Protein backbone atom coordinates (compact mmCIF):
# COMPACT_ATOMS: atom_id res chain seq x y z
CA MET A 1 26.56 -2.75 0.54
CA LEU A 2 27.28 -4.91 3.58
CA ARG A 3 25.86 -2.21 5.83
CA ALA A 4 22.67 -2.02 3.79
CA GLN A 5 22.29 -5.78 3.97
CA GLN A 6 22.09 -5.49 7.76
CA TYR A 7 18.82 -3.58 7.45
CA PHE A 8 17.23 -4.54 4.14
CA THR A 9 16.48 -7.72 2.22
CA PRO A 10 15.52 -8.10 -1.44
CA LEU A 11 11.92 -8.70 -2.37
CA PRO A 12 11.17 -12.42 -2.17
CA GLN A 13 9.91 -14.46 -5.08
CA ALA A 14 6.13 -14.63 -5.31
CA GLU A 15 4.70 -17.81 -3.86
CA ALA A 16 2.78 -19.98 -6.29
CA GLN A 17 -0.95 -19.27 -6.42
CA ALA A 18 -3.72 -21.30 -8.02
CA PRO A 19 -3.90 -19.96 -11.61
CA LEU A 20 -7.69 -20.08 -11.89
CA LYS A 21 -8.04 -18.25 -8.58
CA VAL A 22 -5.57 -15.57 -9.72
CA ALA A 23 -7.37 -15.18 -13.05
CA LEU A 24 -10.69 -14.71 -11.27
CA GLY A 25 -9.14 -12.29 -8.79
CA ARG A 26 -7.75 -10.20 -11.63
CA LYS A 27 -11.20 -9.94 -13.22
CA LEU A 28 -12.81 -9.03 -9.92
CA PHE A 29 -10.14 -6.44 -9.11
CA PHE A 30 -10.96 -4.54 -12.31
CA GLU A 31 -14.73 -5.06 -11.99
CA THR A 32 -16.48 -1.75 -11.29
CA ARG A 33 -20.07 -2.97 -10.89
CA MET A 34 -19.76 -4.31 -7.34
CA SER A 35 -20.31 -1.04 -5.48
CA ALA A 36 -23.61 0.38 -4.32
CA ASP A 37 -23.62 2.81 -7.24
CA ASP A 38 -22.27 0.32 -9.82
CA LYS A 39 -19.28 2.57 -10.51
CA VAL A 40 -16.51 1.60 -8.08
CA GLY A 41 -14.08 -1.31 -8.03
CA CYS A 42 -10.72 -2.04 -6.44
CA VAL A 43 -9.07 -0.39 -9.45
CA THR A 44 -10.85 2.91 -8.73
CA CYS A 45 -8.41 3.64 -5.90
CA HIS A 46 -5.51 1.64 -7.33
CA LEU A 47 -4.82 2.82 -10.87
CA PRO A 48 -2.10 1.21 -13.03
CA GLU A 49 -0.78 4.60 -14.16
CA LYS A 50 -0.41 5.66 -10.51
CA TRP A 51 1.50 2.55 -9.41
CA ALA A 52 -1.68 1.18 -7.82
CA THR A 53 -2.67 4.37 -5.99
CA ASP A 54 -5.14 7.06 -7.11
CA GLY A 55 -3.14 10.28 -6.79
CA LEU A 56 -5.73 11.81 -4.42
CA PRO A 57 -5.13 13.03 -0.88
CA GLN A 58 -8.00 10.82 0.25
CA ALA A 59 -9.61 8.11 -1.82
CA LYS A 60 -13.16 8.45 -3.13
CA GLY A 61 -15.55 5.52 -3.09
CA THR A 62 -19.16 4.88 -3.96
CA SER A 63 -21.25 7.97 -4.75
CA GLY A 64 -18.13 10.10 -4.39
CA ARG A 65 -17.83 9.49 -0.65
CA VAL A 66 -14.42 10.49 0.68
CA ASN A 67 -12.37 7.94 2.58
CA PRO A 68 -10.76 9.18 5.79
CA ARG A 69 -7.23 8.43 4.57
CA ASN A 70 -4.97 8.17 1.55
CA ALA A 71 -5.14 4.98 -0.54
CA PRO A 72 -1.85 3.06 -0.31
CA THR A 73 -0.54 1.00 -3.20
CA VAL A 74 -1.46 -2.67 -3.44
CA PHE A 75 1.91 -3.55 -5.00
CA ASN A 76 3.88 -5.76 -2.59
CA ALA A 77 1.15 -5.10 0.00
CA PHE A 78 0.73 -8.73 1.02
CA LEU A 79 4.21 -8.64 2.55
CA GLN A 80 3.11 -6.10 5.16
CA SER A 81 2.21 -7.21 8.68
CA SER A 82 -1.32 -5.80 8.24
CA GLN A 83 -3.29 -3.58 5.89
CA HIS A 84 -4.46 0.05 6.11
CA TRP A 85 -2.78 2.94 7.85
CA ARG A 86 -4.19 1.84 11.20
CA GLY A 87 -3.55 -1.87 10.67
CA ASP A 88 -7.24 -2.67 11.03
CA ARG A 89 -7.18 -5.29 8.27
CA GLU A 90 -5.30 -8.51 8.86
CA SER A 91 -4.40 -9.36 5.26
CA VAL A 92 -5.08 -8.45 1.65
CA GLU A 93 -7.91 -11.00 1.70
CA ASP A 94 -9.44 -9.42 4.80
CA GLN A 95 -9.12 -5.96 3.25
CA ALA A 96 -10.87 -7.07 0.04
CA ARG A 97 -13.78 -8.60 1.96
CA LYS A 98 -14.33 -5.71 4.33
CA ALA A 99 -14.07 -3.07 1.60
CA LEU A 100 -17.37 -4.33 0.22
CA LEU A 101 -19.22 -3.10 3.30
CA GLY A 102 -17.19 0.05 3.92
CA PRO A 103 -19.51 3.07 3.54
CA PRO A 104 -16.86 5.18 1.75
CA SER A 105 -15.60 2.19 -0.28
CA PHE A 106 -18.07 -0.14 -2.02
CA GLY A 107 -20.89 0.87 0.32
CA LEU A 108 -22.90 -2.36 0.31
CA ALA A 109 -25.29 -2.85 3.20
CA SER A 110 -24.50 -6.43 4.20
CA GLU A 111 -22.70 -9.60 3.17
CA ALA A 112 -26.02 -10.91 1.87
CA ASP A 113 -26.37 -7.86 -0.38
CA ALA A 114 -22.75 -8.24 -1.51
CA THR A 115 -23.26 -11.92 -2.33
CA ALA A 116 -26.43 -11.18 -4.28
CA LYS A 117 -24.71 -8.45 -6.27
CA LEU A 118 -21.70 -10.66 -6.95
CA SER A 119 -23.97 -13.49 -8.09
CA ALA A 120 -25.60 -11.19 -10.65
CA LEU A 121 -22.34 -10.24 -12.39
CA GLY A 122 -21.94 -13.40 -14.43
CA TYR A 123 -18.85 -14.99 -12.90
CA LEU A 124 -20.45 -18.26 -11.74
CA GLY A 125 -18.33 -20.40 -14.08
CA GLU A 126 -15.11 -18.74 -12.97
CA PHE A 127 -16.01 -19.16 -9.29
CA GLN A 128 -16.86 -22.82 -9.83
CA ALA A 129 -13.54 -23.39 -11.57
CA ALA A 130 -11.53 -21.50 -8.93
CA PHE A 131 -13.32 -23.14 -5.97
CA PRO A 132 -14.25 -26.61 -7.24
CA GLY A 133 -16.53 -28.72 -5.13
CA ASP A 134 -17.86 -25.84 -3.06
CA PRO A 135 -21.69 -25.94 -3.07
CA GLU A 136 -21.74 -22.13 -2.76
CA PRO A 137 -18.86 -20.97 -4.95
CA VAL A 138 -20.00 -17.34 -5.19
CA SER A 139 -19.40 -15.73 -1.81
CA VAL A 140 -17.77 -12.79 -0.10
CA ALA A 141 -15.13 -15.13 1.32
CA HIS A 142 -14.23 -16.34 -2.16
CA TRP A 143 -14.23 -12.76 -3.47
CA GLY A 144 -11.56 -11.97 -0.88
CA ALA A 145 -9.60 -15.17 -1.52
CA ALA A 146 -9.49 -14.61 -5.29
CA ILE A 147 -8.49 -10.95 -5.08
CA GLY A 148 -5.92 -11.83 -2.44
CA ALA A 149 -4.44 -14.53 -4.67
CA TYR A 150 -4.11 -11.98 -7.47
CA GLU A 151 -2.57 -9.32 -5.24
CA ARG A 152 -0.01 -11.85 -4.00
CA THR A 153 1.41 -11.93 -7.53
CA LEU A 154 1.95 -8.15 -7.69
CA LEU A 155 5.61 -7.74 -6.84
CA THR A 156 7.76 -4.91 -8.19
CA PRO A 157 11.47 -5.79 -8.00
CA ALA A 158 13.68 -2.73 -8.39
CA PRO A 159 17.33 -1.80 -8.90
CA PHE A 160 17.83 -1.76 -5.13
CA ASP A 161 17.11 -5.50 -5.05
CA ALA A 162 19.95 -6.14 -7.48
CA PHE A 163 22.19 -3.99 -5.28
CA LEU A 164 21.29 -6.01 -2.20
CA ARG A 165 22.12 -9.18 -4.11
CA GLY A 166 25.61 -7.91 -4.80
CA ASP A 167 25.52 -5.74 -7.95
CA ALA A 168 26.84 -2.38 -6.75
CA SER A 169 26.82 -0.97 -10.30
CA VAL A 170 23.04 -0.53 -10.36
CA LEU A 171 23.18 2.38 -7.89
CA SER A 172 24.83 5.64 -8.84
CA SER A 173 27.29 7.25 -6.46
CA GLU A 174 24.61 9.82 -5.62
CA ALA A 175 22.09 7.10 -4.78
CA ARG A 176 24.66 5.27 -2.64
CA ALA A 177 25.35 8.52 -0.79
CA GLY A 178 21.60 8.87 -0.24
CA LEU A 179 21.44 5.35 1.12
CA THR A 180 24.19 6.19 3.61
CA LEU A 181 22.30 9.31 4.71
CA PHE A 182 19.09 7.32 4.97
CA ILE A 183 20.80 4.98 7.42
CA ASP A 184 22.79 7.61 9.33
CA THR A 185 19.81 9.95 9.77
CA GLY A 186 17.85 7.20 11.45
CA CYS A 187 15.21 6.62 8.74
CA VAL A 188 16.19 2.95 8.81
CA ASP A 189 15.03 2.61 12.41
CA CYS A 190 11.48 2.35 11.03
CA HIS A 191 11.89 1.86 7.28
CA GLU A 192 13.66 -1.50 7.13
CA GLY A 193 13.11 -5.00 5.78
CA PRO A 194 12.11 -5.96 2.24
CA LEU A 195 9.58 -3.14 1.86
CA LEU A 196 11.48 -0.51 3.86
CA GLY A 197 8.50 -0.32 6.18
CA GLY A 198 5.07 -1.87 6.47
CA ARG A 199 5.92 -4.09 9.44
CA SER A 200 5.59 -1.85 12.51
CA PHE A 201 3.60 1.03 14.00
CA LYS A 202 5.07 4.35 15.07
CA LYS A 203 3.78 7.68 16.26
CA PHE A 204 3.80 10.27 13.50
CA GLY A 205 5.37 13.31 15.10
CA ARG A 206 7.52 11.48 17.63
CA MET A 207 9.79 14.51 18.08
CA VAL A 208 7.85 17.37 16.46
CA ASP A 209 4.07 17.59 15.98
CA TYR A 210 3.38 16.61 12.39
CA VAL A 211 0.33 18.87 11.88
CA GLY A 212 2.47 22.01 11.94
CA LEU A 213 4.85 20.47 9.42
CA THR A 214 2.34 18.98 6.99
CA HIS A 215 -0.30 21.70 7.45
CA SER A 216 -2.90 18.97 7.81
CA ASP A 217 -6.41 20.23 8.42
CA HIS A 218 -6.76 18.11 11.57
CA ALA A 219 -4.90 15.67 13.79
CA ASP A 220 -5.82 12.04 13.07
CA ALA A 221 -6.17 9.74 16.09
CA GLY A 222 -4.65 6.94 14.04
CA ARG A 223 -4.46 3.49 15.60
CA PHE A 224 -6.10 4.80 18.79
CA ASP A 225 -9.46 4.41 17.03
CA VAL A 226 -8.74 0.69 16.67
CA THR A 227 -7.18 -0.13 20.04
CA HIS A 228 -8.58 2.69 22.24
CA ASP A 229 -5.18 2.75 23.90
CA GLU A 230 -3.99 6.30 24.51
CA ALA A 231 -0.45 5.18 23.65
CA ASP A 232 -1.68 4.59 20.08
CA ARG A 233 -2.89 8.14 19.47
CA ALA A 234 -1.37 9.47 16.21
CA VAL A 235 0.24 6.06 15.68
CA PHE A 236 0.20 4.70 12.14
CA LYS A 237 1.72 1.80 10.29
CA VAL A 238 5.14 2.74 8.96
CA ALA A 239 4.62 3.33 5.26
CA PRO A 240 6.57 0.98 2.99
CA LEU A 241 8.77 2.94 0.61
CA ARG A 242 8.69 0.70 -2.45
CA ASN A 243 7.71 2.80 -5.51
CA VAL A 244 7.43 5.88 -3.30
CA ALA A 245 8.61 8.12 -6.13
CA HIS A 246 5.37 7.30 -7.96
CA THR A 247 2.79 7.27 -5.15
CA ALA A 248 2.25 10.91 -4.21
CA PRO A 249 0.62 12.51 -2.32
CA TYR A 250 2.21 11.36 0.92
CA PHE A 251 1.28 10.48 4.48
CA HIS A 252 -2.00 9.11 5.84
CA ASP A 253 -3.91 12.23 4.79
CA GLY A 254 -2.16 12.93 1.50
CA SER A 255 -1.18 16.32 2.85
CA VAL A 256 2.21 16.58 1.08
CA ASN A 257 2.59 16.43 -2.68
CA ALA A 258 6.36 16.44 -3.24
CA LEU A 259 8.71 13.64 -2.19
CA PRO A 260 11.54 16.00 -1.14
CA ASP A 261 9.12 17.77 1.18
CA ALA A 262 7.98 14.45 2.63
CA VAL A 263 11.59 13.42 3.30
CA SER A 264 12.37 16.71 5.02
CA ILE A 265 9.21 16.56 7.12
CA MET A 266 9.82 12.99 8.23
CA ALA A 267 13.36 13.76 9.35
CA LYS A 268 12.13 16.68 11.43
CA ALA A 269 9.02 15.02 12.83
CA GLN A 270 10.58 11.68 13.72
CA VAL A 271 14.22 12.35 14.63
CA ASN A 272 14.32 16.17 14.88
CA VAL A 273 16.91 16.48 12.14
CA ASP A 274 16.95 19.46 9.77
CA LEU A 275 18.21 18.01 6.51
CA THR A 276 19.96 20.29 4.05
CA PRO A 277 18.49 20.55 0.55
CA GLN A 278 21.50 18.61 -0.72
CA ALA A 279 20.89 15.82 1.80
CA VAL A 280 17.23 15.65 0.87
CA ALA A 281 18.07 15.45 -2.83
CA SER A 282 20.55 12.66 -2.13
CA ILE A 283 18.00 10.62 -0.16
CA VAL A 284 15.45 11.10 -2.94
CA MET A 285 18.01 9.73 -5.40
CA PHE A 286 18.22 6.62 -3.25
CA LEU A 287 14.44 6.33 -2.96
CA ASP A 288 14.21 6.41 -6.76
CA THR A 289 16.06 3.07 -6.82
CA LEU A 290 13.11 1.46 -5.01
CA SER A 291 10.87 1.86 -8.05
CA GLY A 292 9.97 -1.22 -10.05
CA ALA A 293 7.92 -1.64 -13.20
CA VAL A 294 4.14 -1.95 -13.04
CA PRO A 295 3.47 -5.69 -13.43
CA GLU A 296 2.30 -6.66 -16.91
CA THR A 297 -0.72 -8.40 -15.39
CA TYR A 298 -1.86 -5.23 -13.65
CA ALA A 299 -4.57 -4.43 -16.16
CA ALA A 300 -8.06 -5.64 -16.88
CA PRO A 301 -7.90 -8.96 -18.77
CA LYS A 302 -8.91 -8.71 -22.40
């Protein structure tokens, strides 16, 4: 336990958010009329039954357009250093705003078009209550602020948090053995902190080219497309591992369906370790302890 506490910290308590802003954000998150085709909302790619993912290799947005990468969960996402696999969104608020204009997301042509569409949905009273005194309460900025406030309430504490706080009984001996392997193999060099990831960028395939391991249909330039720095080619944000047992398929391109396969591939690609099937199974047992319940508020309000 003491060794684990050197690398990991429990999930923090959610910071207080303005209730009216959270309530509006919840409504907007489950609103599916904001896209260019009136069929897509945040929930489209972040389903409650999939622990706020969509179960697809690559998300599909307006008019069935395919996103270039896998949709990560929004649970605990605000605790990450940035959003998206390439870190090209600064915060959950920034992500919500920019998704409106993303061609494979909501697909709206401009902020003016997004504001007009938002104004027509009938939420004026809720915007006025959430942003009192603002002469223009309905706006893209307030869309992002409200959804961000809601997402900042979506924490999923898990058995591993109780373990880190001193209750060793919540982890089985098999899970504790998996935790030891997770640390000794070197997984913890990237997957650390409260989310076991989400706070740094690393090259995928540091030791062994990932394409040959994942059988991906192409090599993704990753963060290079954002920074145009050759050192960032095939670099991605380290995926947080909270709820990973429920968020398949895995990796930026959703190329791997089974968690044991993902564990084995990561060990080979990143540290050039060939894990035995028994070691993989043990690590998976540990990863299972990172799963928390879907928040009760993660549903469309009645």
